[in-house]
Protein backbone atom coordinates (compact mmCIF):
# COMPACT_ATOMS: atom_id res chain seq x y z
CA MET A 1 129.82 124.54 69.37
CA MET A 2 127.98 123.39 72.49
CA LYS A 3 128.88 119.95 72.31
CA LYS A 4 132.45 120.76 72.04
CA ARG A 5 132.26 122.86 75.28
CA ILE A 6 130.28 120.27 77.09
CA LEU A 7 132.87 117.53 76.12
CA ALA A 8 135.69 119.85 77.18
CA ALA A 9 134.29 120.38 80.43
CA LEU A 10 133.43 116.91 81.15
CA LEU A 11 137.10 115.87 80.49
CA CYS A 12 138.33 118.68 82.82
CA LEU A 13 135.79 117.12 85.66
CA CYS A 14 137.26 113.67 84.91
CA LEU A 15 140.71 114.79 85.32
CA ALA A 16 139.90 116.77 88.85
CA ALA A 17 138.13 113.94 90.01
CA GLY A 18 141.19 112.08 90.76
CA LEU A 19 142.45 115.12 92.75
CA LEU A 20 138.87 115.67 94.79
CA THR A 21 139.30 114.36 98.02
CA GLY A 22 135.77 115.57 99.49
CA CYS A 23 133.94 118.37 99.82
CA GLY A 24 134.29 122.12 100.92
CA ASN A 25 132.81 125.40 101.27
CA SER A 26 133.30 127.41 98.31
CA ALA A 27 129.42 127.47 97.47
CA ALA A 28 128.81 128.48 101.40
CA SER A 29 131.16 131.47 101.08
CA GLY A 30 130.50 132.56 97.69
CA SER A 31 133.88 133.81 97.37
CA GLN A 32 135.55 131.47 94.63
CA PRO A 33 134.10 129.82 91.92
CA ALA A 34 131.40 127.86 92.38
CA SER A 35 133.32 124.71 90.26
CA SER A 36 136.55 124.84 92.63
CA ALA A 37 135.63 123.53 95.99
CA PRO A 38 138.36 122.31 98.39
CA ALA A 39 138.57 119.28 100.42
CA SER A 40 136.58 118.25 103.23
CA SER A 41 137.03 115.99 106.04
CA VAL A 42 136.36 112.62 104.36
CA PRO A 43 137.37 111.49 100.96
CA ALA A 44 134.52 111.32 98.86
CA SER A 45 135.95 107.68 97.30
CA SER A 46 135.50 106.35 101.00
CA ALA A 47 131.74 107.28 100.63
CA ALA A 48 130.59 103.61 100.34
CA GLY A 49 131.32 102.68 104.23
CA GLN A 50 128.51 102.49 106.32
CA GLY A 51 128.75 105.22 109.40
CA GLU A 52 131.26 107.51 107.92
CA THR A 53 130.58 111.10 107.40
CA ARG A 54 132.04 114.43 105.70
CA THR A 55 131.52 118.01 106.97
CA ILE A 56 130.40 120.86 104.60
CA THR A 57 129.75 124.50 105.22
CA ASP A 58 126.02 125.39 104.05
CA HIS A 59 124.67 128.67 102.86
CA ALA A 60 124.21 129.61 106.61
CA GLY A 61 127.98 129.30 107.60
CA ARG A 62 127.30 126.26 109.55
CA GLN A 63 129.66 123.38 109.86
CA VAL A 64 127.31 120.20 108.71
CA GLU A 65 128.43 116.62 109.35
CA ILE A 66 126.44 114.51 106.73
CA PRO A 67 126.56 110.99 105.70
CA ALA A 68 129.33 109.87 103.32
CA GLN A 69 126.30 108.14 101.52
CA VAL A 70 123.15 110.06 101.26
CA ASP A 71 120.03 108.17 99.94
CA ARG A 72 116.95 109.73 101.58
CA VAL A 73 116.34 113.49 101.29
CA VAL A 74 113.61 115.99 102.59
CA VAL A 75 113.44 119.36 101.35
CA THR A 76 111.48 121.61 103.79
CA ASP A 77 110.71 125.36 103.03
CA ILE A 78 113.10 125.99 100.08
CA TYR A 79 110.53 125.37 97.49
CA PRO A 80 112.57 125.04 94.14
CA LEU A 81 115.10 123.19 95.51
CA PRO A 82 113.38 119.52 94.63
CA SER A 83 113.48 120.26 91.25
CA VAL A 84 116.53 121.19 91.01
CA LEU A 85 117.93 118.23 92.78
CA SER A 86 115.87 116.03 90.65
CA VAL A 87 117.65 117.26 87.35
CA PHE A 88 120.80 117.49 89.11
CA LEU A 89 120.81 113.97 89.95
CA GLY A 90 118.83 112.67 86.94
CA SER A 91 116.18 111.25 89.33
CA ALA A 92 114.09 111.81 92.01
CA GLU A 93 114.57 108.16 93.90
CA LYS A 94 116.37 109.95 96.98
CA ILE A 95 113.67 112.57 97.40
CA VAL A 96 111.50 111.11 100.16
CA GLY A 97 109.65 114.42 101.40
CA ILE A 98 108.98 117.89 100.00
CA HIS A 99 106.81 120.63 100.81
CA PRO A 100 103.37 121.48 99.35
CA MET A 101 104.30 124.24 97.46
CA SER A 102 106.91 122.05 95.75
CA MET A 103 104.41 119.19 95.09
CA SER A 104 101.99 121.65 93.50
CA ALA A 105 104.40 122.86 90.86
CA ALA A 106 105.56 119.15 90.17
CA GLN A 107 102.25 118.10 89.52
CA THR A 108 101.09 120.96 87.30
CA GLY A 109 104.51 121.25 85.62
CA THR A 110 107.01 119.24 83.85
CA LEU A 111 108.77 117.94 86.50
CA GLY A 112 106.41 115.01 87.57
CA GLU A 113 106.36 113.99 83.91
CA ILE A 114 110.19 113.75 83.64
CA PHE A 115 110.56 112.33 87.05
CA PRO A 116 107.16 110.70 88.06
CA GLU A 117 108.85 109.35 91.49
CA ILE A 118 108.62 112.73 92.51
CA LEU A 119 104.73 112.54 92.93
CA GLU A 120 105.50 109.80 95.53
CA ALA A 121 107.27 112.10 97.94
CA ASP A 122 105.85 112.58 101.42
CA THR A 123 104.22 116.38 101.79
CA SER A 124 102.51 115.56 105.09
CA PHE A 125 105.23 117.09 107.36
CA MET A 126 104.88 120.72 106.45
CA THR A 127 101.81 122.78 106.87
CA GLY A 128 102.45 126.07 105.54
CA THR A 129 105.38 127.33 107.43
CA GLU A 130 104.99 124.88 110.23
CA LEU A 131 107.12 121.61 110.64
CA ASN A 132 106.05 118.50 112.14
CA VAL A 133 109.41 117.09 113.40
CA GLU A 134 107.71 113.98 114.65
CA SER A 135 106.25 113.27 110.87
CA LEU A 136 109.76 114.48 109.50
CA LEU A 137 111.71 111.90 111.79
CA ALA A 138 109.07 108.98 110.32
CA LEU A 139 110.45 109.64 106.98
CA GLU A 140 114.02 108.79 108.02
CA PRO A 141 115.97 111.33 106.05
CA ASP A 142 119.44 110.94 105.88
CA LEU A 143 119.80 114.66 105.19
CA VAL A 144 117.42 117.52 105.33
CA PHE A 145 117.48 120.91 103.23
CA CYS A 146 115.77 124.05 104.38
CA ASN A 147 115.90 127.59 104.04
CA ALA A 148 119.32 128.81 105.30
CA SER A 149 117.59 131.96 106.80
CA ASN A 150 115.00 129.82 109.02
CA ALA A 151 117.15 129.41 111.95
CA GLU A 152 114.66 127.98 114.17
CA GLU A 153 113.78 125.34 111.49
CA MET A 154 117.49 124.44 111.15
CA GLU A 155 117.79 124.53 114.86
CA ALA A 156 114.61 121.95 115.27
CA ILE A 157 115.69 119.52 112.84
CA THR A 158 119.49 119.61 114.28
CA ASN A 159 118.08 118.98 117.70
CA ALA A 160 116.06 116.12 116.26
CA GLY A 161 119.33 114.28 115.30
CA ILE A 162 119.01 114.89 111.36
CA PRO A 163 122.10 116.55 109.46
CA CYS A 164 120.16 119.85 108.24
CA VAL A 165 121.90 122.08 105.55
CA GLY A 166 121.11 125.44 104.82
CA VAL A 167 120.28 126.86 101.18
CA ALA A 168 120.28 130.63 100.50
CA THR A 169 117.95 132.75 98.31
CA GLY A 170 119.11 136.20 98.56
CA LYS A 171 122.84 135.50 100.04
CA TRP A 172 123.95 136.70 96.34
CA ASN A 173 122.05 139.92 96.19
CA PHE A 174 119.18 137.96 94.44
CA ASP A 175 121.50 137.25 91.13
CA ILE A 176 119.52 134.51 89.93
CA LEU A 177 122.45 133.02 88.15
CA GLU A 178 124.82 133.13 90.70
CA THR A 179 122.39 131.55 93.10
CA TYR A 180 121.66 128.77 90.90
CA ALA A 181 125.16 128.47 90.53
CA GLN A 182 125.80 128.36 94.18
CA TRP A 183 122.84 125.72 94.64
CA THR A 184 124.44 123.53 92.24
CA ALA A 185 127.73 123.75 93.84
CA LEU A 186 126.74 122.87 96.93
CA LEU A 187 124.90 120.00 95.48
CA GLY A 188 128.26 119.02 93.79
CA GLU A 189 129.79 118.96 97.27
CA ILE A 190 127.07 116.50 98.77
CA PHE A 191 126.64 114.54 95.81
CA PRO A 192 130.12 114.61 94.05
CA GLU A 193 129.05 111.40 91.94
CA SER A 194 126.68 113.77 89.88
CA ASP A 195 128.43 117.12 90.23
CA LYS A 196 127.67 119.20 87.07
CA SER A 197 128.37 122.71 88.84
CA ALA A 198 130.91 123.53 86.25
CA LEU A 199 128.72 122.74 83.23
CA VAL A 200 125.95 124.89 85.00
CA ARG A 201 128.32 128.09 85.52
CA GLU A 202 129.69 127.90 82.49
CA TYR A 203 126.51 127.65 80.49
CA SER A 204 124.83 130.34 82.48
CA GLU A 205 127.67 132.62 82.41
CA GLU A 206 127.78 132.37 78.36
CA VAL A 207 123.87 133.09 78.31
CA TYR A 208 123.99 136.22 80.15
CA GLN A 209 127.06 137.41 77.74
CA GLU A 210 124.83 136.57 74.86
CA VAL A 211 121.88 138.56 76.26
CA GLN A 212 124.55 141.50 77.04
CA ASP A 213 125.96 141.37 73.93
CA LYS A 214 122.54 142.24 72.19
CA VAL A 215 121.42 144.95 74.51
CA ALA A 216 124.80 146.69 75.15
CA ASP A 217 123.70 149.35 72.80
CA LEU A 218 120.54 150.15 74.55
CA GLU A 219 120.50 154.09 75.99
CA GLU A 220 118.84 154.83 79.04
CA GLY A 221 116.12 156.58 77.50
CA SER A 222 114.90 153.78 75.01
CA LYS A 223 115.15 150.98 77.95
CA LYS A 224 111.92 149.05 78.19
CA LYS A 225 109.84 149.45 81.35
CA ILE A 226 109.18 146.40 83.17
CA LEU A 227 106.60 145.53 85.64
CA PHE A 228 106.16 142.12 87.42
CA LEU A 229 103.09 140.94 88.76
CA TYR A 230 104.16 138.31 91.98
CA GLN A 231 100.34 138.02 93.16
CA TYR A 232 97.71 139.96 91.48
CA ASP A 233 93.69 139.11 92.45
CA GLU A 234 90.84 140.57 94.20
CA ASN A 235 92.62 141.43 97.24
CA THR A 236 96.01 142.41 96.61
CA MET A 237 98.74 143.40 93.88
CA VAL A 238 102.06 142.73 94.75
CA THR A 239 105.31 143.39 92.47
CA SER A 240 109.14 142.88 93.26
CA SER A 241 110.93 145.70 94.94
CA SER A 242 114.42 146.30 94.18
CA LYS A 243 115.22 143.56 96.92
CA PHE A 244 113.87 140.73 95.00
CA PHE A 245 114.50 138.47 92.01
CA GLY A 246 112.47 141.07 89.57
CA GLN A 247 114.89 143.54 90.10
CA PHE A 248 117.91 141.02 88.60
CA TRP A 249 115.72 140.12 85.79
CA CYS A 250 115.04 143.51 84.72
CA GLU A 251 118.58 144.64 84.63
CA ALA A 252 120.01 141.30 83.02
CA VAL A 253 117.63 141.78 79.96
CA GLY A 254 118.50 145.61 79.74
CA GLY A 255 115.30 146.76 80.91
CA VAL A 256 114.08 148.96 84.03
CA ASN A 257 112.16 147.75 87.03
CA VAL A 258 109.48 150.54 87.28
CA ALA A 259 108.93 149.35 91.08
CA SER A 260 112.59 149.63 92.10
CA GLU A 261 111.94 152.45 94.16
CA VAL A 262 108.95 151.55 96.27
CA PRO A 263 109.95 151.15 99.53
CA ALA A 264 109.82 147.82 100.79
CA GLU A 265 110.81 146.16 103.75
CA THR A 266 110.54 142.74 102.28
CA SER A 267 111.08 141.51 98.95
CA ASN A 268 107.50 141.95 97.66
CA ALA A 269 105.83 145.31 97.57
CA VAL A 270 102.10 146.30 97.47
CA ILE A 271 101.01 148.49 94.77
CA THR A 272 98.02 150.06 93.53
CA MET A 273 96.52 150.60 89.52
CA GLU A 274 97.34 154.40 90.38
CA GLN A 275 101.02 153.57 90.66
CA VAL A 276 100.77 151.27 87.67
CA TYR A 277 99.15 154.03 85.78
CA GLN A 278 101.87 156.74 86.66
CA TRP A 279 104.55 154.30 85.65
CA ASN A 280 102.87 152.99 82.63
CA PRO A 281 105.40 149.74 81.91
CA ASP A 282 106.26 148.85 78.50
CA VAL A 283 106.08 144.82 79.31
CA ILE A 284 104.74 142.76 82.38
CA PHE A 285 105.41 139.46 83.28
CA ILE A 286 103.08 137.48 85.92
CA THR A 287 104.75 134.76 87.84
CA ASN A 288 103.30 131.33 88.73
CA PHE A 289 102.56 132.27 92.16
CA THR A 290 99.22 133.70 91.21
CA GLU A 291 96.39 132.65 89.19
CA CYS A 292 96.10 135.92 86.97
CA GLN A 293 96.85 135.16 83.14
CA PRO A 294 97.45 138.00 80.52
CA GLU A 295 93.88 137.80 79.41
CA ASP A 296 92.77 138.92 82.86
CA LEU A 297 94.48 142.17 82.08
CA TYR A 298 93.48 142.45 78.72
CA THR A 299 89.69 142.25 79.75
CA ASN A 300 90.09 144.10 82.93
CA ALA A 301 88.73 140.63 84.73
CA ILE A 302 90.09 141.41 88.41
CA ASN A 303 88.50 143.64 90.80
CA GLY A 304 87.15 146.09 88.26
CA ASP A 305 90.85 147.55 87.53
CA ASP A 306 91.06 148.98 84.16
CA TRP A 307 94.29 148.05 82.16
CA SER A 308 93.18 149.39 78.62
CA SER A 309 95.27 152.42 79.17
CA VAL A 310 98.67 150.77 80.10
CA ALA A 311 101.04 150.40 77.43
CA ALA A 312 101.92 146.71 77.97
CA VAL A 313 98.29 146.02 77.56
CA GLN A 314 97.83 148.08 74.53
CA ASN A 315 100.77 146.43 72.76
CA GLN A 316 100.10 143.16 73.98
CA GLN A 317 103.07 142.62 75.94
CA VAL A 318 101.85 140.99 79.23
CA TYR A 319 103.46 137.56 79.58
CA LYS A 320 102.79 134.70 81.77
CA MET A 321 106.28 133.45 83.25
CA PRO A 322 107.42 129.76 82.17
CA LEU A 323 106.64 126.76 84.76
CA GLY A 324 109.27 124.33 83.76
CA THR A 325 110.66 121.89 86.45
CA TYR A 326 109.51 124.59 88.74
CA ARG A 327 107.80 128.22 88.93
CA THR A 328 110.79 130.25 86.90
CA TYR A 329 110.74 133.70 88.86
CA THR A 330 112.79 131.85 91.16
CA PRO A 331 116.44 130.01 90.74
CA SER A 332 115.58 126.65 89.04
CA SER A 333 117.00 124.42 86.44
CA ASP A 334 115.29 126.65 83.98
CA THR A 335 116.99 129.78 85.06
CA PRO A 336 119.55 130.48 81.90
CA LEU A 337 116.62 129.44 79.62
CA THR A 338 114.34 132.09 81.34
CA LEU A 339 116.93 134.75 80.98
CA LEU A 340 116.86 134.14 77.31
CA TRP A 341 113.04 134.09 77.11
CA LEU A 342 112.60 137.22 79.01
CA ALA A 343 115.19 138.65 76.81
CA GLN A 344 113.23 137.84 73.68
CA LYS A 345 109.72 139.02 74.95
CA VAL A 346 111.16 142.39 76.16
CA TYR A 347 113.40 143.19 73.22
CA PRO A 348 111.87 140.66 70.26
CA GLU A 349 113.88 142.58 67.38
CA LYS A 350 117.05 141.87 69.02
CA PHE A 351 116.36 138.41 69.57
CA ALA A 352 114.55 137.40 66.44
CA ASP A 353 116.93 134.69 65.67
CA LEU A 354 116.51 132.88 68.82
CA ASP A 355 114.70 129.44 68.86
CA MET A 356 113.62 128.82 72.28
CA ASN A 357 112.11 125.28 71.33
CA ALA A 358 115.89 124.18 70.22
CA ARG A 359 117.62 126.03 73.09
CA VAL A 360 115.69 124.19 75.83
CA LYS A 361 116.05 120.91 74.19
CA GLU A 362 119.77 121.19 73.74
CA TYR A 363 120.08 122.62 77.14
CA TYR A 364 118.31 119.79 79.22
CA SER A 365 119.80 117.17 76.86
CA GLU A 366 123.42 118.22 76.90
CA ILE A 367 123.59 119.33 80.43
CA TYR A 368 121.14 117.14 82.11
CA GLY A 369 120.67 114.41 79.94
CA VAL A 370 116.93 115.00 79.89
CA GLU A 371 115.12 114.57 76.30
CA LEU A 372 112.21 116.90 76.24
CA THR A 373 109.28 116.60 73.47
CA ASP A 374 108.01 119.37 71.47
CA GLU A 375 104.76 119.10 73.80
CA GLN A 376 106.59 119.46 76.68
CA VAL A 377 108.74 122.42 75.83
CA GLU A 378 105.08 123.91 74.59
CA ALA A 379 103.66 123.41 78.03
CA MET A 380 106.51 124.91 79.66
CA TYR A 381 105.93 128.19 78.34
CA ASN A 382 102.29 128.07 78.15
CA PRO A 383 101.36 127.62 81.88
CA PRO A 384 97.52 127.26 83.01
CA ALA A 385 96.04 129.13 86.03
CA GLU A 386 96.06 125.95 87.71
CA ALA A 387 99.60 126.16 88.02
CA ALA A 388 99.78 128.81 90.42
CA ALA A 389 101.25 128.52 93.85
CA GLY A 390 99.41 126.18 96.36
CA ARG A 391 96.99 124.53 93.69
CA GLY A 392 97.47 121.26 91.77
């Protein structure tokens, strides 16, 4: 079934290629399907000529003039994007610079195995949130991707004479599937020869509907209460507020984000054990932005906190989120698969027939042409503490 769908979509893309004259701004506006982009100023077919340019609209609503042929790319503070770009292009050869946070995920996850050239990318131009423009210029990028919310950085890069494309994370109300679809739509405009955005959107929508069909009969009182531990160590405990990705994940799998009502000026919310006791979550997911592992909760290994009375701990329903090509809490190439995995963990009885190993390998093979081994899939879904952000 999936192969027939892929072939049909590819045929449509081939037919559309003859009509495609450039890149448009549908991904930036969010008002049109990601697979239908209007034309830009320079035809894609003329991209071979040196000095030619095209104009696109990025996620910040900026008109950006980019080279018709992009061969050297740097990604600054949009950490998951190097992995998305590598899988999208089927290679990391164009990526000459990435943030250290992106590099640590590539080193400890599967991205560095699939595309080892990513491990050669430079990271010296970024220290934390600080950009060294001189070091960036030394990489001679044709194009730089950065966070669309970082106006100061975008201005600095543009003033240095480098085309800078802003990529948004929260523009679509933290709907991770839509965010990933919009990312690939934008990449499809910049790299039309590698465009897979229609396939990505179609697959994501089918997975979402698959999950919704299985959780549709849940009544409000029977929905599982879910807690995301974004960060947990001796100093702090941080979860997802209603303004972050955890909220979407909970709603998408038919669960309830226990922290949705916590006041938070930002996406993350600092919480206490007293609040955890009050919420008594049924399921806990731990991100790869912290070294904490499920065993740490089962053995009360952090800060003297006692988790023994929490339902998720009593029922052994504490899970470390996967580390695929990137940390899967955020948008990534693994996003549709992460939705399936989360749904199966929250409601195992409803997804008893789901073979994640087979689905992961099928998805990567038929959408991206990447053949994963059983060992690589196993590693994705059992990340070590060393996979935490900033390590590796």
